[in-house]
Amino acid sequence: MASSLTLPNHTLASLLPSHTPTTRSFVSQCVPVLPRSSQSQFYGLNFSYSSSVSIPSSPFKTCIFAKVTKGSVPPSFTLKDQDGKNVSLSNFKGKPVVVYFYPADESPSCTKEACAFRDSYEKFKKAGAEVIGISGDDQSSHKAFAKKYRLPFTLLSDEGNKVRKEWGIPADLFGTLPGRQTYVLDKNGVVQLIYNNQFQPEKHIDETLKLLKSL
């Protein structure tokens, strides 16, 4: 028979850890706040309290769960490219599309990744695929970045990171660095690959080309 334990108002809050979580940024701690007069059972103990408990504020933002998964059709979008033209994801339906999200123009890793896509661009064309790079930089930054490194593919400006949030891309380094994530969509717009690797940007190209050969 389960024992019954009634906790005073302040006790539940005192049981919560006060140290900063050490988990990776995209696995934020989520603490459910039980409503007034809620009861739960843990390990044979009936546990209840008489009023709502105030949970201390966390340094992390609300938990992010991936909204785009393999086999799903991601949310469409319309963003401006490096030339100021509106580009919609739906424009590419009927052919494979590589959509890669990166943190920022001109950062060393992002430059390395962009140049790797550039150097393999003919292989992507041979596979019949389009390449789209997306970051939160504005159109003028993209234009300068594309010109400086002779990038032959489309760069889209996701100012405010709206699309990044809609697609559910996890951040790195405890939420301080936008995630580096690549998607391969088949000709029907269905996701066939999701690849995340912040610190080995060139591997995004290897993985996407490998997948494209199988489509």
Protein backbone atom coordinates (compact mmCIF):
# COMPACT_ATOMS: atom_id res chain seq x y z
CA MET A 1 0.00 0.00 0.00
CA ALA A 2 1.48 3.33 -1.05
CA SER A 3 2.50 5.75 1.73
CA SER A 4 1.10 9.26 1.69
CA LEU A 5 3.43 12.26 1.97
CA THR A 6 2.24 15.88 2.09
CA LEU A 7 4.88 18.50 1.25
CA PRO A 8 4.75 22.13 2.51
CA ASN A 9 4.53 24.86 -0.07
CA HIS A 10 8.26 25.55 -0.24
CA THR A 11 9.54 21.98 -0.21
CA LEU A 12 9.18 21.09 -3.91
CA ALA A 13 11.15 24.12 -5.03
CA SER A 14 13.91 23.27 -2.57
CA LEU A 15 14.24 19.82 -4.15
CA LEU A 16 14.98 21.25 -7.57
CA PRO A 17 18.67 21.42 -8.56
CA SER A 18 20.10 24.92 -8.31
CA HIS A 19 23.24 24.27 -10.33
CA THR A 20 23.49 25.13 -14.02
CA PRO A 21 22.65 22.10 -16.20
CA THR A 22 25.61 20.60 -18.01
CA THR A 23 23.60 18.95 -20.76
CA ARG A 24 24.05 19.98 -24.36
CA SER A 25 22.17 23.09 -25.36
CA PHE A 26 19.51 21.42 -27.46
CA VAL A 27 18.52 19.12 -24.58
CA SER A 28 17.32 21.82 -22.20
CA GLN A 29 15.89 20.80 -18.87
CA CYS A 30 12.10 20.91 -18.82
CA VAL A 31 10.47 20.94 -15.40
CA PRO A 32 6.70 20.41 -15.48
CA VAL A 33 4.76 22.70 -13.13
CA LEU A 34 1.89 20.76 -11.63
CA PRO A 35 -1.43 22.59 -11.19
CA ARG A 36 -3.03 23.26 -7.81
CA SER A 37 -4.18 20.12 -5.94
CA SER A 38 -2.32 17.87 -8.38
CA GLN A 39 -1.26 14.41 -7.21
CA SER A 40 1.41 12.09 -8.58
CA GLN A 41 2.80 8.73 -7.53
CA PHE A 42 6.53 8.03 -7.48
CA TYR A 43 8.04 4.81 -6.15
CA GLY A 44 5.07 4.00 -3.89
CA LEU A 45 4.65 7.51 -2.48
CA ASN A 46 1.50 9.53 -3.04
CA PHE A 47 2.70 13.07 -3.26
CA SER A 48 0.54 16.18 -3.16
CA TYR A 49 0.72 19.83 -2.32
CA SER A 50 -1.88 22.46 -1.62
CA SER A 51 -0.73 25.35 -3.81
CA SER A 52 1.19 26.03 -6.99
CA VAL A 53 4.97 26.20 -6.76
CA SER A 54 7.08 28.95 -8.27
CA ILE A 55 9.91 27.41 -10.31
CA PRO A 56 13.15 29.43 -10.34
CA SER A 57 13.90 30.97 -13.72
CA SER A 58 16.33 29.02 -15.94
CA PRO A 59 19.17 30.53 -17.98
CA PHE A 60 18.00 28.39 -20.89
CA LYS A 61 15.20 29.15 -23.30
CA THR A 62 12.16 26.96 -23.79
CA CYS A 63 13.00 23.42 -24.90
CA ILE A 64 13.40 22.99 -28.64
CA PHE A 65 12.07 19.83 -30.22
CA ALA A 66 12.82 18.94 -33.84
CA LYS A 67 9.81 19.76 -35.97
CA VAL A 68 11.28 18.45 -39.23
CA THR A 69 12.08 14.74 -39.29
CA LYS A 70 13.17 12.24 -41.91
CA GLY A 71 10.18 11.27 -44.02
CA SER A 72 8.32 14.52 -43.33
CA VAL A 73 7.56 17.52 -45.54
CA PRO A 74 9.11 20.61 -43.93
CA PRO A 75 7.32 23.97 -43.63
CA SER A 76 7.63 26.02 -46.78
CA PHE A 77 9.19 29.48 -46.75
CA THR A 78 9.82 32.52 -48.88
CA LEU A 79 13.04 34.45 -48.20
CA LYS A 80 15.21 36.98 -50.03
CA ASP A 81 18.36 35.76 -51.74
CA GLN A 82 21.69 37.57 -52.08
CA ASP A 83 20.28 39.60 -54.98
CA GLY A 84 17.17 40.70 -53.09
CA LYS A 85 14.82 38.36 -54.98
CA ASN A 86 12.14 36.34 -53.20
CA VAL A 87 12.82 32.61 -53.30
CA SER A 88 10.31 29.98 -52.13
CA LEU A 89 11.09 26.39 -51.24
CA SER A 90 8.14 25.33 -53.40
CA ASN A 91 9.99 26.68 -56.46
CA PHE A 92 12.29 23.66 -56.34
CA LYS A 93 9.68 20.94 -56.19
CA GLY A 94 10.34 18.30 -58.83
CA LYS A 95 14.07 18.06 -58.13
CA PRO A 96 16.22 17.18 -55.10
CA VAL A 97 17.15 20.13 -52.89
CA VAL A 98 19.96 20.48 -50.36
CA VAL A 99 19.06 23.05 -47.70
CA TYR A 100 21.87 23.81 -45.32
CA PHE A 101 21.57 26.09 -42.30
CA TYR A 102 24.78 27.67 -41.05
CA PRO A 103 25.60 30.14 -38.24
CA ALA A 104 27.03 33.18 -40.05
CA ASP A 105 28.76 34.55 -43.14
CA GLU A 106 32.53 34.91 -42.95
CA SER A 107 33.09 32.75 -39.86
CA PRO A 108 35.95 30.29 -40.51
CA SER A 109 33.85 27.11 -40.36
CA CYS A 110 30.99 28.59 -42.39
CA THR A 111 33.42 29.83 -45.04
CA LYS A 112 35.00 26.37 -45.20
CA GLU A 113 31.57 24.77 -45.60
CA ALA A 114 30.43 27.22 -48.29
CA CYS A 115 33.63 26.74 -50.27
CA ALA A 116 33.29 22.96 -50.00
CA PHE A 117 29.77 23.19 -51.46
CA ARG A 118 31.21 25.45 -54.18
CA ASP A 119 34.01 23.04 -55.03
CA SER A 120 31.55 20.14 -55.31
CA TYR A 121 28.82 22.14 -57.00
CA GLU A 122 29.22 20.33 -60.34
CA LYS A 123 28.60 17.02 -58.57
CA PHE A 124 25.37 18.41 -57.14
CA LYS A 125 24.32 19.63 -60.58
CA LYS A 126 25.09 16.23 -62.04
CA ALA A 127 22.80 14.71 -59.42
CA GLY A 128 20.12 17.19 -60.51
CA ALA A 129 20.08 18.88 -57.11
CA GLU A 130 19.85 22.51 -56.06
CA VAL A 131 21.87 23.88 -53.13
CA ILE A 132 20.46 26.53 -50.78
CA GLY A 133 22.36 28.05 -47.85
CA ILE A 134 20.42 29.81 -45.07
CA SER A 135 21.61 31.98 -42.18
CA GLY A 136 20.36 34.98 -40.21
CA ASP A 137 22.61 37.41 -42.11
CA ASP A 138 20.98 40.11 -44.22
CA GLN A 139 20.91 40.28 -48.01
CA SER A 140 23.90 42.61 -48.34
CA SER A 141 26.06 40.32 -46.19
CA HIS A 142 25.09 37.35 -48.34
CA LYS A 143 25.87 39.28 -51.51
CA ALA A 144 29.36 40.19 -50.31
CA PHE A 145 29.99 36.66 -49.02
CA ALA A 146 28.90 35.04 -52.30
CA LYS A 147 30.96 37.46 -54.37
CA LYS A 148 34.10 37.12 -52.27
CA TYR A 149 34.13 33.32 -52.44
CA ARG A 150 32.50 32.94 -55.89
CA LEU A 151 29.59 30.91 -54.55
CA PRO A 152 27.43 29.65 -57.44
CA PHE A 153 24.40 28.70 -55.35
CA THR A 154 21.59 30.54 -53.57
CA LEU A 155 22.01 32.11 -50.13
CA LEU A 156 18.83 33.09 -48.30
CA SER A 157 18.43 35.62 -45.50
CA ASP A 158 16.48 34.32 -42.51
CA GLU A 159 16.59 37.49 -40.42
CA GLY A 160 15.09 36.84 -37.01
CA ASN A 161 15.72 33.10 -37.55
CA LYS A 162 12.04 32.47 -38.19
CA VAL A 163 12.59 29.54 -40.56
CA ARG A 164 15.30 28.09 -38.34
CA LYS A 165 12.82 28.07 -35.44
CA GLU A 166 10.01 26.63 -37.56
CA TRP A 167 12.25 23.77 -38.67
CA GLY A 168 13.32 23.17 -35.07
CA ILE A 169 17.08 23.36 -35.55
CA PRO A 170 18.92 22.89 -32.23
CA ALA A 171 21.59 25.37 -31.16
CA ASP A 172 25.07 24.41 -29.96
CA LEU A 173 27.40 25.50 -27.15
CA PHE A 174 24.64 25.90 -24.57
CA GLY A 175 22.41 27.87 -26.90
CA THR A 176 25.04 30.47 -27.85
CA LEU A 177 25.76 29.23 -31.39
CA PRO A 178 23.14 28.66 -34.12
CA GLY A 179 23.14 25.04 -35.25
CA ARG A 180 24.75 23.80 -38.45
CA GLN A 181 22.26 21.40 -39.99
CA THR A 182 21.74 20.11 -43.53
CA TYR A 183 18.62 18.60 -45.09
CA VAL A 184 18.23 16.69 -48.34
CA LEU A 185 14.74 16.79 -49.83
CA ASP A 186 13.78 14.48 -52.67
CA LYS A 187 11.89 15.62 -55.78
CA ASN A 188 8.60 15.31 -53.87
CA GLY A 189 9.79 17.64 -51.11
CA VAL A 190 10.16 14.84 -48.55
CA VAL A 191 13.16 14.92 -46.20
CA GLN A 192 15.51 12.01 -46.85
CA LEU A 193 18.49 13.13 -44.76
CA ILE A 194 19.13 15.34 -41.73
CA TYR A 195 22.80 15.85 -40.89
CA ASN A 196 24.10 17.89 -37.96
CA ASN A 197 27.81 18.49 -37.43
CA GLN A 198 28.92 21.89 -36.13
CA PHE A 199 32.66 21.35 -36.10
CA GLN A 200 33.29 19.29 -39.25
CA PRO A 201 31.58 21.39 -41.91
CA GLU A 202 33.07 19.53 -44.88
CA LYS A 203 31.30 16.34 -43.83
CA HIS A 204 27.98 17.94 -44.73
CA ILE A 205 29.01 17.79 -48.38
CA ASP A 206 30.18 14.18 -48.19
CA GLU A 207 26.98 13.00 -46.52
CA THR A 208 24.64 14.84 -48.86
CA LEU A 209 26.39 13.62 -52.01
CA LYS A 210 26.33 10.07 -50.69
CA LEU A 211 22.57 10.30 -50.15
CA LEU A 212 21.89 11.98 -53.49
CA LYS A 213 23.53 9.07 -55.32
CA SER A 214 20.93 6.75 -53.84
CA LEU A 215 17.89 8.80 -54.87
